[in-house]
Amino acid sequence: MSKPSPKVENPVVTHKLSIDAVSKRFPLPGGKEIEAIRDVSFGVEENEICVILGPSGCGKSTILRMVAGLVDPSSGTLLLDGHEISGPDKERGMVFQAYTSFDWLSVRGNVEYGMRINGVPTAKRHEQAQKFIDLVQLGKFAEVYPSQLSGGMKQRVAIARTLANDPSLLLMDEPFGALDAETRWHMQELLVSIAESANTTIVMVTHDIEEAIYLADKIVFLSSHPGRVHEIIVPEFKKGRRYTDKEEVIAMKGYSALERQIMKLMREQGASDDY
């Protein structure tokens, strides 16, 4: 007769991205400091879309820039796949709000750029670029230059260029913030399709409640300045599914209640500040 397996006490939970007790302080004139975020801890799972949300000035972008390796934490640790984040790395791809395409390169040239400087062979580079150009629905525009593209199309180029470098983690800082409402809607739906097709782990910063609810598998809601994790919100009404039709999500039972809940949090936190 076999013996029962021993009971495991407090098993270690591993995350794709682990942020543990991270704080960030910036120096001010006269030797003073301002604290942007304080003791922030949360994890992001493989293939998850995690959205960081909170009132203006709560440190959302600061957290994202630390994950990107562009800013060092004052204290705490950030781990990707169990390895400490230290400086920028191609394992973490970043898409900014501002358009970052090179004007002198075509769509194809822009998407191939990172691979070219990383020494990817020409045939592989062409294959990979075409894959992601098609994924962001720019196949007809592969030889077009950025000056001939709309804002939404420029952001598609940025997303394709980032994904073509095969990052382990895709970071997005208000990527659709400069777009008109209709284009933003379509880009949000496209991002869901991309996440499903590419099995990509995404951490995204936004100030838009509707966008957060629609896109997120998990929302990390930060308190007012200095930013702390106020609440982790999982949109339970989606039942673990993602939808490429935004109207369908907005019409679902539970959407409006969650929107009101987050609006209340935003109002409460926006009215409070330690400084």
Protein backbone atom coordinates (compact mmCIF):
# COMPACT_ATOMS: atom_id res chain seq x y z
CA MET A 1 0.00 0.00 0.00
CA SER A 2 1.50 3.32 -1.08
CA LYS A 3 1.95 6.10 1.41
CA PRO A 4 0.00 9.32 0.95
CA SER A 5 1.97 12.24 -0.44
CA PRO A 6 3.22 14.60 2.25
CA LYS A 7 1.20 17.79 2.66
CA VAL A 8 2.94 20.81 1.18
CA GLU A 9 2.71 23.86 3.39
CA ASN A 10 2.64 27.30 1.73
CA PRO A 11 3.69 26.19 -1.77
CA VAL A 12 5.78 28.69 -3.71
CA VAL A 13 3.71 30.53 -6.30
CA THR A 14 5.71 31.51 -9.36
CA HIS A 15 4.71 34.22 -11.81
CA LYS A 16 5.88 35.21 -15.24
CA LEU A 17 6.54 38.67 -13.78
CA SER A 18 6.95 39.23 -10.05
CA ILE A 19 7.01 42.70 -8.52
CA ASP A 20 7.87 42.45 -4.84
CA ALA A 21 7.80 45.37 -2.36
CA VAL A 22 8.97 47.85 -4.98
CA SER A 23 9.29 51.54 -4.11
CA LYS A 24 10.67 54.41 -6.13
CA ARG A 25 11.86 57.79 -4.86
CA PHE A 26 13.10 60.61 -7.08
CA PRO A 27 15.53 63.28 -5.83
CA LEU A 28 14.43 66.91 -5.57
CA PRO A 29 16.50 70.08 -5.21
CA GLY A 30 17.79 70.71 -1.69
CA GLY A 31 18.36 67.05 -0.92
CA LYS A 32 14.67 66.21 -0.62
CA GLU A 33 12.91 63.30 -2.30
CA ILE A 34 9.47 62.61 -3.73
CA GLU A 35 8.07 59.09 -3.47
CA ALA A 36 6.39 57.95 -6.70
CA ILE A 37 5.35 54.45 -5.59
CA ARG A 38 5.52 52.67 -2.26
CA ASP A 39 5.82 48.95 -1.48
CA VAL A 40 4.11 47.73 -4.66
CA SER A 41 3.71 43.95 -5.02
CA PHE A 42 1.82 41.89 -7.62
CA GLY A 43 2.39 39.10 -10.11
CA VAL A 44 1.57 38.60 -13.77
CA GLU A 45 0.92 35.13 -15.17
CA GLU A 46 2.06 33.65 -18.49
CA ASN A 47 -0.12 34.85 -21.42
CA GLU A 48 -2.06 37.21 -19.16
CA ILE A 49 -3.16 40.74 -20.07
CA CYS A 50 -2.54 42.76 -16.91
CA VAL A 51 -3.70 46.39 -16.92
CA ILE A 52 -2.36 48.92 -14.42
CA LEU A 53 -5.02 51.52 -13.63
CA GLY A 54 -5.32 54.38 -11.19
CA PRO A 55 -5.68 58.14 -10.76
CA SER A 56 -3.34 60.56 -12.47
CA GLY A 57 0.09 60.74 -10.85
CA CYS A 58 -0.15 57.41 -9.04
CA GLY A 59 3.01 55.98 -10.63
CA LYS A 60 1.57 53.70 -13.33
CA SER A 61 4.17 54.61 -15.93
CA THR A 62 6.95 54.53 -13.33
CA ILE A 63 6.17 50.87 -12.65
CA LEU A 64 6.13 50.06 -16.36
CA ARG A 65 9.45 51.83 -16.93
CA MET A 66 11.00 49.86 -14.07
CA VAL A 67 9.77 46.60 -15.63
CA ALA A 68 11.29 47.78 -18.92
CA GLY A 69 14.59 48.38 -17.12
CA LEU A 70 14.59 52.09 -17.96
CA VAL A 71 14.34 53.12 -14.29
CA ASP A 72 15.86 51.35 -11.27
CA PRO A 73 13.75 50.75 -8.15
CA SER A 74 14.80 52.45 -4.92
CA SER A 75 13.95 49.22 -3.09
CA GLY A 76 12.30 45.89 -3.80
CA THR A 77 12.79 43.40 -6.61
CA LEU A 78 11.40 42.80 -10.10
CA LEU A 79 11.75 39.33 -11.59
CA LEU A 80 10.95 38.08 -15.09
CA ASP A 81 10.89 34.28 -15.36
CA GLY A 82 12.71 34.18 -12.04
CA HIS A 83 15.56 36.45 -13.15
CA GLU A 84 16.07 39.91 -11.71
CA ILE A 85 15.40 42.77 -14.10
CA SER A 86 18.47 44.93 -14.53
CA GLY A 87 18.46 47.37 -17.41
CA PRO A 88 16.74 47.10 -20.80
CA ASP A 89 16.65 43.76 -22.58
CA LYS A 90 15.09 42.43 -25.77
CA GLU A 91 13.06 40.05 -23.59
CA ARG A 92 10.93 43.08 -22.70
CA GLY A 93 9.43 44.96 -25.64
CA MET A 94 7.95 48.43 -25.11
CA VAL A 95 5.23 50.25 -27.07
CA PHE A 96 4.87 53.93 -26.16
CA GLN A 97 2.00 56.35 -26.68
CA ALA A 98 4.10 58.48 -29.05
CA TYR A 99 4.63 57.13 -32.54
CA THR A 100 8.14 55.70 -32.81
CA SER A 101 8.40 54.58 -36.43
CA PHE A 102 11.46 55.62 -38.43
CA ASP A 103 10.25 57.96 -41.19
CA TRP A 104 12.98 56.86 -43.64
CA LEU A 105 12.01 53.17 -43.43
CA SER A 106 8.97 51.45 -44.91
CA VAL A 107 6.58 49.44 -42.76
CA ARG A 108 8.62 46.33 -43.58
CA GLY A 109 11.89 48.13 -42.85
CA ASN A 110 10.59 49.32 -39.49
CA VAL A 111 9.39 45.85 -38.49
CA GLU A 112 12.71 44.31 -39.52
CA TYR A 113 14.84 46.97 -37.85
CA GLY A 114 15.29 45.36 -34.42
CA MET A 115 15.95 41.96 -35.92
CA ARG A 116 18.52 43.43 -38.31
CA ILE A 117 20.56 45.09 -35.55
CA ASN A 118 20.33 41.85 -33.54
CA GLY A 119 21.88 39.91 -36.42
CA VAL A 120 18.87 37.83 -37.46
CA PRO A 121 19.60 36.23 -40.87
CA THR A 122 17.90 37.89 -43.85
CA ALA A 123 15.54 35.04 -44.75
CA LYS A 124 14.39 34.61 -41.14
CA ARG A 125 14.01 38.36 -40.78
CA HIS A 126 11.79 38.62 -43.87
CA GLU A 127 9.66 35.67 -42.73
CA GLN A 128 9.21 37.00 -39.21
CA ALA A 129 8.45 40.53 -40.40
CA GLN A 130 5.79 39.32 -42.84
CA LYS A 131 4.17 37.22 -40.12
CA PHE A 132 3.66 40.20 -37.82
CA ILE A 133 2.81 42.66 -40.58
CA ASP A 134 -0.03 40.32 -41.49
CA LEU A 135 -0.96 39.86 -37.82
CA VAL A 136 -1.53 43.61 -37.40
CA GLN A 137 -3.40 43.73 -40.71
CA LEU A 138 -0.91 45.85 -42.63
CA GLY A 139 -0.13 43.41 -45.43
CA LYS A 140 -1.23 45.86 -48.14
CA PHE A 141 0.94 48.60 -46.65
CA ALA A 142 4.24 46.73 -46.20
CA GLU A 143 6.15 49.02 -48.57
CA VAL A 144 4.47 52.26 -47.43
CA TYR A 145 6.32 54.88 -45.35
CA PRO A 146 5.05 56.21 -41.96
CA SER A 147 4.21 59.66 -43.36
CA GLN A 148 1.52 57.96 -45.46
CA LEU A 149 -0.06 56.12 -42.53
CA SER A 150 -2.76 57.09 -40.04
CA GLY A 151 -2.04 57.23 -36.31
CA GLY A 152 -3.63 53.85 -35.70
CA MET A 153 -1.60 52.27 -38.48
CA LYS A 154 1.62 53.75 -37.05
CA GLN A 155 0.83 52.10 -33.73
CA ARG A 156 0.24 48.80 -35.52
CA VAL A 157 3.73 49.16 -36.99
CA ALA A 158 5.14 49.74 -33.49
CA ILE A 159 3.35 46.66 -32.15
CA ALA A 160 4.50 44.50 -35.08
CA ARG A 161 8.10 45.72 -34.74
CA THR A 162 8.09 44.93 -31.02
CA LEU A 163 6.53 41.47 -31.41
CA ALA A 164 8.89 40.58 -34.27
CA ASN A 165 11.77 40.68 -31.78
CA ASP A 166 10.03 37.84 -29.89
CA PRO A 167 9.87 39.49 -26.45
CA SER A 168 8.91 37.42 -23.46
CA LEU A 169 6.85 40.35 -22.18
CA LEU A 170 5.07 43.14 -24.10
CA LEU A 171 4.84 46.46 -22.23
CA MET A 172 2.41 49.15 -23.40
CA ASP A 173 2.25 52.68 -22.00
CA GLU A 174 -1.04 54.35 -23.01
CA PRO A 175 -0.52 53.00 -26.56
CA PHE A 176 -3.89 54.21 -27.85
CA GLY A 177 -4.12 57.45 -25.88
CA ALA A 178 -3.45 59.71 -28.88
CA LEU A 179 -5.98 58.02 -31.16
CA ASP A 180 -9.52 59.11 -31.97
CA ALA A 181 -12.36 57.15 -30.35
CA GLU A 182 -13.20 54.98 -33.36
CA THR A 183 -9.57 54.06 -34.11
CA ARG A 184 -8.94 53.36 -30.43
CA TRP A 185 -11.91 50.97 -30.34
CA HIS A 186 -10.57 49.05 -33.34
CA MET A 187 -7.04 48.95 -31.92
CA GLN A 188 -8.31 47.51 -28.65
CA GLU A 189 -10.08 44.72 -30.50
CA LEU A 190 -6.98 44.11 -32.60
CA LEU A 191 -4.85 43.85 -29.46
CA VAL A 192 -7.11 41.10 -28.11
CA SER A 193 -6.72 39.23 -31.41
CA ILE A 194 -2.93 39.65 -31.27
CA ALA A 195 -2.76 38.45 -27.66
CA GLU A 196 -4.73 35.34 -28.61
CA SER A 197 -2.75 34.63 -31.79
CA ALA A 198 0.73 35.30 -30.42
CA ASN A 199 0.15 33.95 -26.87
CA THR A 200 1.76 37.12 -25.56
CA THR A 201 2.02 38.26 -21.94
CA ILE A 202 1.07 41.93 -21.80
CA VAL A 203 1.37 44.59 -19.11
CA MET A 204 -0.41 47.77 -20.11
CA VAL A 205 -0.88 51.16 -18.48
CA THR A 206 -4.06 53.12 -19.12
CA HIS A 207 -6.21 55.77 -17.46
CA ASP A 208 -9.30 54.65 -19.42
CA ILE A 209 -11.70 52.55 -17.33
CA GLU A 210 -13.61 51.15 -20.30
CA GLU A 211 -10.38 50.12 -22.00
CA ALA A 212 -9.10 48.45 -18.84
CA ILE A 213 -12.25 46.40 -18.31
CA TYR A 214 -12.45 45.31 -21.93
CA LEU A 215 -8.79 44.29 -22.31
CA ALA A 216 -7.76 43.03 -18.90
CA ASP A 217 -7.61 39.54 -17.53
CA LYS A 218 -6.53 41.30 -14.35
CA ILE A 219 -6.53 44.95 -13.27
CA VAL A 220 -4.01 46.26 -10.74
CA PHE A 221 -5.65 49.38 -9.31
CA LEU A 222 -3.23 51.79 -7.66
CA SER A 223 -3.96 54.26 -4.90
CA SER A 224 -3.32 57.98 -5.16
CA HIS A 225 0.23 59.29 -4.92
CA PRO A 226 2.42 57.66 -3.78
CA GLY A 227 1.08 54.67 -5.69
CA ARG A 228 0.35 51.49 -3.78
CA VAL A 229 -1.67 48.45 -4.80
CA HIS A 230 -5.14 49.37 -3.61
CA GLU A 231 -6.98 46.42 -5.16
CA ILE A 232 -6.50 43.55 -7.61
CA ILE A 233 -9.61 43.26 -9.79
CA VAL A 234 -10.48 40.29 -11.99
CA PRO A 235 -13.44 40.95 -14.34
CA GLU A 236 -15.31 37.84 -13.25
CA PHE A 237 -18.24 38.53 -15.59
CA LYS A 238 -16.01 37.59 -18.57
CA LYS A 239 -15.52 34.13 -17.02
CA GLY A 240 -11.89 33.93 -18.07
CA ARG A 241 -12.64 34.59 -21.73
CA ARG A 242 -11.48 37.33 -24.10
CA TYR A 243 -13.71 38.89 -26.70
CA THR A 244 -12.80 40.52 -30.01
CA ASP A 245 -16.18 42.30 -30.11
CA LYS A 246 -16.09 45.16 -27.63
CA GLU A 247 -19.81 45.83 -27.92
CA GLU A 248 -20.46 42.29 -26.71
CA VAL A 249 -18.44 42.90 -23.54
CA ILE A 250 -20.08 46.25 -22.78
CA ALA A 251 -23.53 44.62 -23.09
CA MET A 252 -22.68 41.75 -20.73
CA LYS A 253 -24.26 41.44 -17.30
CA GLY A 254 -21.69 42.59 -14.78
CA TYR A 255 -19.89 45.10 -16.98
CA SER A 256 -21.78 48.17 -15.74
CA ALA A 257 -21.42 47.16 -12.10
CA LEU A 258 -17.65 46.80 -12.46
CA GLU A 259 -17.41 50.10 -14.30
CA ARG A 260 -19.26 51.83 -11.45
CA GLN A 261 -17.03 50.13 -8.87
CA ILE A 262 -13.87 51.33 -10.60
CA MET A 263 -15.27 54.82 -11.16
CA LYS A 264 -15.96 55.02 -7.42
CA LEU A 265 -12.40 53.91 -6.64
CA MET A 266 -11.03 56.45 -9.10
CA ARG A 267 -13.07 59.24 -7.54
CA GLU A 268 -12.08 58.27 -3.99
CA GLN A 269 -8.40 57.90 -4.76
CA GLY A 270 -8.31 60.98 -6.95
CA ALA A 271 -9.57 63.03 -4.03
CA SER A 272 -6.92 61.77 -1.61
CA ASP A 273 -3.17 62.35 -1.62
CA ASP A 274 -0.42 61.97 0.94
CA TYR A 275 1.31 65.11 -0.31
